[in-house]
Structures are given as C-alpha cells and as structure tokens.
Amino acid sequence: MTTESPRWFTSSYSDNGGQCVEVAVNLAASCGVVPVRDSKVRSGPVLGVASGAFAAFVAGVKAGQFGTG
C-alpha cells in the first residue's frame, strides 16, 4: 500500500473556462490507477481508471481516434 498523495494537474490544453478534469498520474506505477476528478468540484468524487486503460485512452486521443466534435 502506498501513502503517496495524488499530485493533481490539468492539461495545458484545458483553457476553456474551467470545464475540464484533473488527473493524478503519479499514482499509476505504485497503485495501478490514474485518479480523475472534476476540476470544479475538487472535494467531489474521484474516478479511478486502470493505468492501462488510461494509457490506451491517451494514445487514442493523440492518434485522433475520437474525432473533434
């Protein structure tokens, strides 16, 4: 078990008036999970995404697999 705290950040591309999510990828290696939360409700619920699934999602975004609209 890890006692490491999440280090939250938003993408540098997230300049859209606060309508974004924050992730804490620093826990991926130690916990196997990437926590995700709403940047507007920091004390709200956190979704834990499996590291492999998050990596596949990021790769898909970079490859343009999800379109633009």
PDB file of N, CA and C in Angstrom:
ATOM      1  N   MET A   1       0.836  -1.175   0.000  1.00  0.00           N
ATOM      2  CA  MET A   1       0.000   0.000   0.000  1.00  0.00           C
ATOM      3  C   MET A   1       0.886   1.246   0.000  1.00  0.00           C
ATOM      4  N   THR A   2       0.444   2.259  -0.706  1.00  0.00           N
ATOM      5  CA  THR A   2       1.217   3.490  -0.791  1.00  0.00           C
ATOM      6  C   THR A   2       0.583   4.593   0.051  1.00  0.00           C
ATOM      7  N   THR A   3       1.395   5.458   0.557  1.00  0.00           N
ATOM      8  CA  THR A   3       0.890   6.620   1.296  1.00  0.00           C
ATOM      9  C   THR A   3       1.068   7.890   0.472  1.00  0.00           C
ATOM     10  N   GLU A   4       1.468   7.716  -0.764  1.00  0.00           N
ATOM     11  CA  GLU A   4       1.690   8.851  -1.660  1.00  0.00           C
ATOM     12  C   GLU A   4       0.359   9.545  -1.963  1.00  0.00           C
ATOM     13  N   SER A   5       0.368  10.861  -1.927  1.00  0.00           N
ATOM     14  CA  SER A   5      -0.825  11.644  -2.234  1.00  0.00           C
ATOM     15  C   SER A   5      -0.884  11.955  -3.723  1.00  0.00           C
ATOM     16  N   PRO A   6      -2.097  12.066  -4.266  1.00  0.00           N
ATOM     17  CA  PRO A   6      -2.210  12.441  -5.675  1.00  0.00           C
ATOM     18  C   PRO A   6      -1.663  13.834  -5.918  1.00  0.00           C
ATOM     19  N   ARG A   7      -0.952  13.990  -7.031  1.00  0.00           N
ATOM     20  CA  ARG A   7      -0.497  15.308  -7.483  1.00  0.00           C
ATOM     21  C   ARG A   7      -1.359  15.669  -8.697  1.00  0.00           C
ATOM     22  N   TRP A   8      -2.388  16.438  -8.461  1.00  0.00           N
ATOM     23  CA  TRP A   8      -3.390  16.754  -9.479  1.00  0.00           C
ATOM     24  C   TRP A   8      -2.870  17.783 -10.474  1.00  0.00           C
ATOM     25  N   PHE A   9      -3.261  17.625 -11.741  1.00  0.00           N
ATOM     26  CA  PHE A   9      -2.964  18.636 -12.753  1.00  0.00           C
ATOM     27  C   PHE A   9      -3.999  18.561 -13.864  1.00  0.00           C
ATOM     28  N   THR A  10      -4.115  19.652 -14.595  1.00  0.00           N
ATOM     29  CA  THR A  10      -4.961  19.693 -15.784  1.00  0.00           C
ATOM     30  C   THR A  10      -4.050  19.844 -16.997  1.00  0.00           C
ATOM     31  N   SER A  11      -4.552  19.485 -18.125  1.00  0.00           N
ATOM     32  CA  SER A  11      -3.792  19.609 -19.362  1.00  0.00           C
ATOM     33  C   SER A  11      -3.529  21.074 -19.680  1.00  0.00           C
ATOM     34  N   SER A  12      -2.415  21.326 -20.298  1.00  0.00           N
ATOM     35  CA  SER A  12      -2.122  22.689 -20.738  1.00  0.00           C
ATOM     36  C   SER A  12      -3.074  23.125 -21.858  1.00  0.00           C
ATOM     37  N   TYR A  13      -3.810  22.200 -22.444  1.00  0.00           N
ATOM     38  CA  TYR A  13      -4.782  22.488 -23.483  1.00  0.00           C
ATOM     39  C   TYR A  13      -6.155  22.813 -22.889  1.00  0.00           C
ATOM     40  N   SER A  14      -6.291  22.825 -21.587  1.00  0.00           N
ATOM     41  CA  SER A  14      -7.588  22.966 -20.915  1.00  0.00           C
ATOM     42  C   SER A  14      -7.944  24.403 -20.576  1.00  0.00           C
ATOM     43  N   ASP A  15      -7.702  25.322 -21.438  1.00  0.00           N
ATOM     44  CA  ASP A  15      -8.045  26.720 -21.186  1.00  0.00           C
ATOM     45  C   ASP A  15      -9.428  27.012 -21.746  1.00  0.00           C
ATOM     46  N   ASN A  16     -10.436  26.374 -21.141  1.00  0.00           N
ATOM     47  CA  ASN A  16     -11.796  26.524 -21.661  1.00  0.00           C
ATOM     48  C   ASN A  16     -12.775  26.996 -20.587  1.00  0.00           C
ATOM     49  N   GLY A  17     -12.337  27.821 -19.680  1.00  0.00           N
ATOM     50  CA  GLY A  17     -13.233  28.370 -18.684  1.00  0.00           C
ATOM     51  C   GLY A  17     -13.541  27.448 -17.527  1.00  0.00           C
ATOM     52  N   GLY A  18     -12.701  26.475 -17.259  1.00  0.00           N
ATOM     53  CA  GLY A  18     -12.895  25.610 -16.098  1.00  0.00           C
ATOM     54  C   GLY A  18     -13.682  24.347 -16.350  1.00  0.00           C
ATOM     55  N   GLN A  19     -14.018  24.070 -17.585  1.00  0.00           N
ATOM     56  CA  GLN A  19     -14.780  22.868 -17.916  1.00  0.00           C
ATOM     57  C   GLN A  19     -13.823  21.722 -18.246  1.00  0.00           C
ATOM     58  N   CYS A  20     -13.087  21.254 -17.230  1.00  0.00           N
ATOM     59  CA  CYS A  20     -12.096  20.225 -17.505  1.00  0.00           C
ATOM     60  C   CYS A  20     -11.974  19.264 -16.331  1.00  0.00           C
ATOM     61  N   VAL A  21     -11.144  18.291 -16.502  1.00  0.00           N
ATOM     62  CA  VAL A  21     -10.880  17.320 -15.450  1.00  0.00           C
ATOM     63  C   VAL A  21      -9.424  17.440 -15.024  1.00  0.00           C
ATOM     64  N   GLU A  22      -9.151  16.919 -13.846  1.00  0.00           N
ATOM     65  CA  GLU A  22      -7.786  16.836 -13.344  1.00  0.00           C
ATOM     66  C   GLU A  22      -7.431  15.373 -13.205  1.00  0.00           C
ATOM     67  N   VAL A  23      -6.166  15.048 -13.417  1.00  0.00           N
ATOM     68  CA  VAL A  23      -5.679  13.682 -13.252  1.00  0.00           C
ATOM     69  C   VAL A  23      -4.463  13.692 -12.342  1.00  0.00           C
ATOM     70  N   ALA A  24      -4.187  12.542 -11.761  1.00  0.00           N
ATOM     71  CA  ALA A  24      -3.012  12.392 -10.892  1.00  0.00           C
ATOM     72  C   ALA A  24      -2.245  11.161 -11.350  1.00  0.00           C
ATOM     73  N   VAL A  25      -1.445  11.323 -12.398  1.00  0.00           N
ATOM     74  CA  VAL A  25      -0.739  10.187 -12.982  1.00  0.00           C
ATOM     75  C   VAL A  25       0.411   9.689 -12.109  1.00  0.00           C
ATOM     76  N   ASN A  26       0.752  10.426 -11.059  1.00  0.00           N
ATOM     77  CA  ASN A  26       1.854   9.987 -10.201  1.00  0.00           C
ATOM     78  C   ASN A  26       1.528   8.687  -9.457  1.00  0.00           C
ATOM     79  N   LEU A  27       0.272   8.283  -9.403  1.00  0.00           N
ATOM     80  CA  LEU A  27      -0.098   7.047  -8.707  1.00  0.00           C
ATOM     81  C   LEU A  27      -0.183   5.843  -9.640  1.00  0.00           C
ATOM     82  N   ALA A  28       0.046   6.040 -10.926  1.00  0.00           N
ATOM     83  CA  ALA A  28      -0.099   4.957 -11.897  1.00  0.00           C
ATOM     84  C   ALA A  28       0.835   3.789 -11.600  1.00  0.00           C
ATOM     85  N   ALA A  29       2.100   4.064 -11.351  1.00  0.00           N
ATOM     86  CA  ALA A  29       3.063   2.980 -11.137  1.00  0.00           C
ATOM     87  C   ALA A  29       2.861   2.295  -9.790  1.00  0.00           C
ATOM     88  N   SER A  30       2.635   3.068  -8.737  1.00  0.00           N
ATOM     89  CA  SER A  30       2.549   2.481  -7.400  1.00  0.00           C
ATOM     90  C   SER A  30       1.202   1.834  -7.109  1.00  0.00           C
ATOM     91  N   CYS A  31       0.121   2.342  -7.713  1.00  0.00           N
ATOM     92  CA  CYS A  31      -1.227   1.841  -7.409  1.00  0.00           C
ATOM     93  C   CYS A  31      -1.908   1.171  -8.597  1.00  0.00           C
ATOM     94  N   GLY A  32      -1.388   1.390  -9.795  1.00  0.00           N
ATOM     95  CA  GLY A  32      -2.022   0.830 -10.990  1.00  0.00           C
ATOM     96  C   GLY A  32      -3.289   1.556 -11.390  1.00  0.00           C
ATOM     97  N   VAL A  33      -3.460   2.775 -10.863  1.00  0.00           N
ATOM     98  CA  VAL A  33      -4.681   3.544 -11.099  1.00  0.00           C
ATOM     99  C   VAL A  33      -4.311   5.001 -11.379  1.00  0.00           C
ATOM    100  N   VAL A  34      -5.084   5.628 -12.273  1.00  0.00           N
ATOM    101  CA  VAL A  34      -4.961   7.063 -12.505  1.00  0.00           C
ATOM    102  C   VAL A  34      -6.258   7.703 -12.008  1.00  0.00           C
ATOM    103  N   PRO A  35      -6.201   8.432 -10.884  1.00  0.00           N
ATOM    104  CA  PRO A  35      -7.395   9.117 -10.392  1.00  0.00           C
ATOM    105  C   PRO A  35      -7.772  10.282 -11.307  1.00  0.00           C
ATOM    106  N   VAL A  36      -9.080  10.470 -11.508  1.00  0.00           N
ATOM    107  CA  VAL A  36      -9.610  11.549 -12.345  1.00  0.00           C
ATOM    108  C   VAL A  36     -10.728  12.224 -11.561  1.00  0.00           C
ATOM    109  N   ARG A  37     -10.763  13.567 -11.579  1.00  0.00           N
ATOM    110  CA  ARG A  37     -11.831  14.288 -10.881  1.00  0.00           C
ATOM    111  C   ARG A  37     -12.215  15.539 -11.665  1.00  0.00           C
ATOM    112  N   ASP A  38     -13.371  16.089 -11.331  1.00  0.00           N
ATOM    113  CA  ASP A  38     -13.873  17.330 -11.919  1.00  0.00           C
ATOM    114  C   ASP A  38     -13.081  18.487 -11.321  1.00  0.00           C
ATOM    115  N   SER A  39     -12.520  19.329 -12.156  1.00  0.00           N
ATOM    116  CA  SER A  39     -11.701  20.432 -11.660  1.00  0.00           C
ATOM    117  C   SER A  39     -12.519  21.482 -10.910  1.00  0.00           C
ATOM    118  N   LYS A  40     -13.836  21.519 -11.146  1.00  0.00           N
ATOM    119  CA  LYS A  40     -14.680  22.492 -10.464  1.00  0.00           C
ATOM    120  C   LYS A  40     -15.130  22.012  -9.084  1.00  0.00           C
ATOM    121  N   VAL A  41     -15.070  20.705  -8.838  1.00  0.00           N
ATOM    122  CA  VAL A  41     -15.556  20.128  -7.577  1.00  0.00           C
ATOM    123  C   VAL A  41     -14.430  19.272  -7.003  1.00  0.00           C
ATOM    124  N   ARG A  42     -13.398  19.902  -6.532  1.00  0.00           N
ATOM    125  CA  ARG A  42     -12.207  19.181  -6.088  1.00  0.00           C
ATOM    126  C   ARG A  42     -12.460  18.284  -4.881  1.00  0.00           C
ATOM    127  N   SER A  43     -13.473  18.575  -4.096  1.00  0.00           N
ATOM    128  CA  SER A  43     -13.786  17.713  -2.952  1.00  0.00           C
ATOM    129  C   SER A  43     -14.805  16.639  -3.316  1.00  0.00           C
ATOM    130  N   GLY A  44     -15.192  16.591  -4.584  1.00  0.00           N
ATOM    131  CA  GLY A  44     -16.190  15.628  -5.040  1.00  0.00           C
ATOM    132  C   GLY A  44     -15.591  14.263  -5.298  1.00  0.00           C
ATOM    133  N   PRO A  45     -16.361  13.401  -5.946  1.00  0.00           N
ATOM    134  CA  PRO A  45     -15.917  12.034  -6.189  1.00  0.00           C
ATOM    135  C   PRO A  45     -14.722  11.955  -7.132  1.00  0.00           C
ATOM    136  N   VAL A  46     -13.965  10.887  -6.985  1.00  0.00           N
ATOM    137  CA  VAL A  46     -12.795  10.616  -7.820  1.00  0.00           C
ATOM    138  C   VAL A  46     -13.028   9.290  -8.523  1.00  0.00           C
ATOM    139  N   LEU A  47     -12.804   9.271  -9.812  1.00  0.00           N
ATOM    140  CA  LEU A  47     -12.912   8.058 -10.613  1.00  0.00           C
ATOM    141  C   LEU A  47     -11.526   7.462 -10.763  1.00  0.00           C
ATOM    142  N   GLY A  48     -11.352   6.216 -10.388  1.00  0.00           N
ATOM    143  CA  GLY A  48     -10.065   5.537 -10.548  1.00  0.00           C
ATOM    144  C   GLY A  48     -10.048   4.746 -11.850  1.00  0.00           C
ATOM    145  N   VAL A  49      -9.193   5.135 -12.779  1.00  0.00           N
ATOM    146  CA  VAL A  49      -9.092   4.484 -14.084  1.00  0.00           C
ATOM    147  C   VAL A  49      -7.836   3.618 -14.083  1.00  0.00           C
ATOM    148  N   ALA A  50      -7.981   2.375 -14.477  1.00  0.00           N
ATOM    149  CA  ALA A  50      -6.824   1.474 -14.547  1.00  0.00           C
ATOM    150  C   ALA A  50      -5.743   2.093 -15.439  1.00  0.00           C
ATOM    151  N   SER A  51      -4.498   1.962 -15.017  1.00  0.00           N
ATOM    152  CA  SER A  51      -3.373   2.582 -15.732  1.00  0.00           C
ATOM    153  C   SER A  51      -3.339   2.214 -17.209  1.00  0.00           C
ATOM    154  N   GLY A  52      -3.552   0.956 -17.510  1.00  0.00           N
ATOM    155  CA  GLY A  52      -3.532   0.517 -18.902  1.00  0.00           C
ATOM    156  C   GLY A  52      -4.639   1.141 -19.725  1.00  0.00           C
ATOM    157  N   ALA A  53      -5.823   1.245 -19.146  1.00  0.00           N
ATOM    158  CA  ALA A  53      -6.954   1.860 -19.840  1.00  0.00           C
ATOM    159  C   ALA A  53      -6.700   3.348 -20.065  1.00  0.00           C
ATOM    160  N   PHE A  54      -6.110   4.017 -19.077  1.00  0.00           N
ATOM    161  CA  PHE A  54      -5.814   5.442 -19.223  1.00  0.00           C
ATOM    162  C   PHE A  54      -4.756   5.642 -20.312  1.00  0.00           C
ATOM    163  N   ALA A  55      -3.737   4.803 -20.322  1.00  0.00           N
ATOM    164  CA  ALA A  55      -2.695   4.904 -21.346  1.00  0.00           C
ATOM    165  C   ALA A  55      -3.281   4.683 -22.740  1.00  0.00           C
ATOM    166  N   ALA A  56      -4.198   3.729 -22.871  1.00  0.00           N
ATOM    167  CA  ALA A  56      -4.839   3.476 -24.164  1.00  0.00           C
ATOM    168  C   ALA A  56      -5.698   4.665 -24.586  1.00  0.00           C
ATOM    169  N   PHE A  57      -6.396   5.270 -23.638  1.00  0.00           N
ATOM    170  CA  PHE A  57      -7.201   6.453 -23.925  1.00  0.00           C
ATOM    171  C   PHE A  57      -6.319   7.599 -24.428  1.00  0.00           C
ATOM    172  N   VAL A  58      -5.232   7.893 -23.720  1.00  0.00           N
ATOM    173  CA  VAL A  58      -4.328   8.972 -24.124  1.00  0.00           C
ATOM    174  C   VAL A  58      -3.748   8.693 -25.513  1.00  0.00           C
ATOM    175  N   ALA A  59      -3.360   7.446 -25.770  1.00  0.00           N
ATOM    176  CA  ALA A  59      -2.825   7.087 -27.085  1.00  0.00           C
ATOM    177  C   ALA A  59      -3.891   7.309 -28.171  1.00  0.00           C
ATOM    178  N   GLY A  60      -5.141   6.963 -27.862  1.00  0.00           N
ATOM    179  CA  GLY A  60      -6.233   7.168 -28.813  1.00  0.00           C
ATOM    180  C   GLY A  60      -6.478   8.641 -29.101  1.00  0.00           C
ATOM    181  N   VAL A  61      -6.411   9.466 -28.050  1.00  0.00           N
ATOM    182  CA  VAL A  61      -6.568  10.913 -28.239  1.00  0.00           C
ATOM    183  C   VAL A  61      -5.455  11.445 -29.144  1.00  0.00           C
ATOM    184  N   LYS A  62      -4.224  11.043 -28.850  1.00  0.00           N
ATOM    185  CA  LYS A  62      -3.078  11.506 -29.647  1.00  0.00           C
ATOM    186  C   LYS A  62      -3.189  11.057 -31.095  1.00  0.00           C
ATOM    187  N   ALA A  63      -3.792   9.897 -31.329  1.00  0.00           N
ATOM    188  CA  ALA A  63      -3.931   9.361 -32.675  1.00  0.00           C
ATOM    189  C   ALA A  63      -5.160   9.906 -33.396  1.00  0.00           C
ATOM    190  N   GLY A  64      -5.955  10.724 -32.715  1.00  0.00           N
ATOM    191  CA  GLY A  64      -7.138  11.303 -33.342  1.00  0.00           C
ATOM    192  C   GLY A  64      -8.307  10.351 -33.487  1.00  0.00           C
ATOM    193  N   GLN A  65      -8.357   9.308 -32.683  1.00  0.00           N
ATOM    194  CA  GLN A  65      -9.393   8.288 -32.808  1.00  0.00           C
ATOM    195  C   GLN A  65     -10.777   8.735 -32.320  1.00  0.00           C
ATOM    196  N   PHE A  66     -10.865   9.845 -31.616  1.00  0.00           N
ATOM    197  CA  PHE A  66     -12.135  10.249 -31.032  1.00  0.00           C
ATOM    198  C   PHE A  66     -12.779  11.435 -31.737  1.00  0.00           C
ATOM    199  N   GLY A  67     -12.207  11.884 -32.831  1.00  0.00           N
ATOM    200  CA  GLY A  67     -12.792  12.983 -33.579  1.00  0.00           C
ATOM    201  C   GLY A  67     -12.647  14.311 -32.862  1.00  0.00           C
ATOM    202  N   THR A  68     -13.309  15.314 -33.398  1.00  0.00           N
ATOM    203  CA  THR A  68     -13.206  16.654 -32.832  1.00  0.00           C
ATOM    204  C   THR A  68     -14.560  17.224 -32.426  1.00  0.00           C
ATOM    205  N   GLY A  69     -15.614  16.559 -32.610  1.00  0.00           N
ATOM    206  CA  GLY A  69     -16.880  17.193 -32.246  1.00  0.00           C
ATOM    207  C   GLY A  69     -17.953  16.241 -32.178  1.00  0.00           C
TER     208      GLY A  69
END
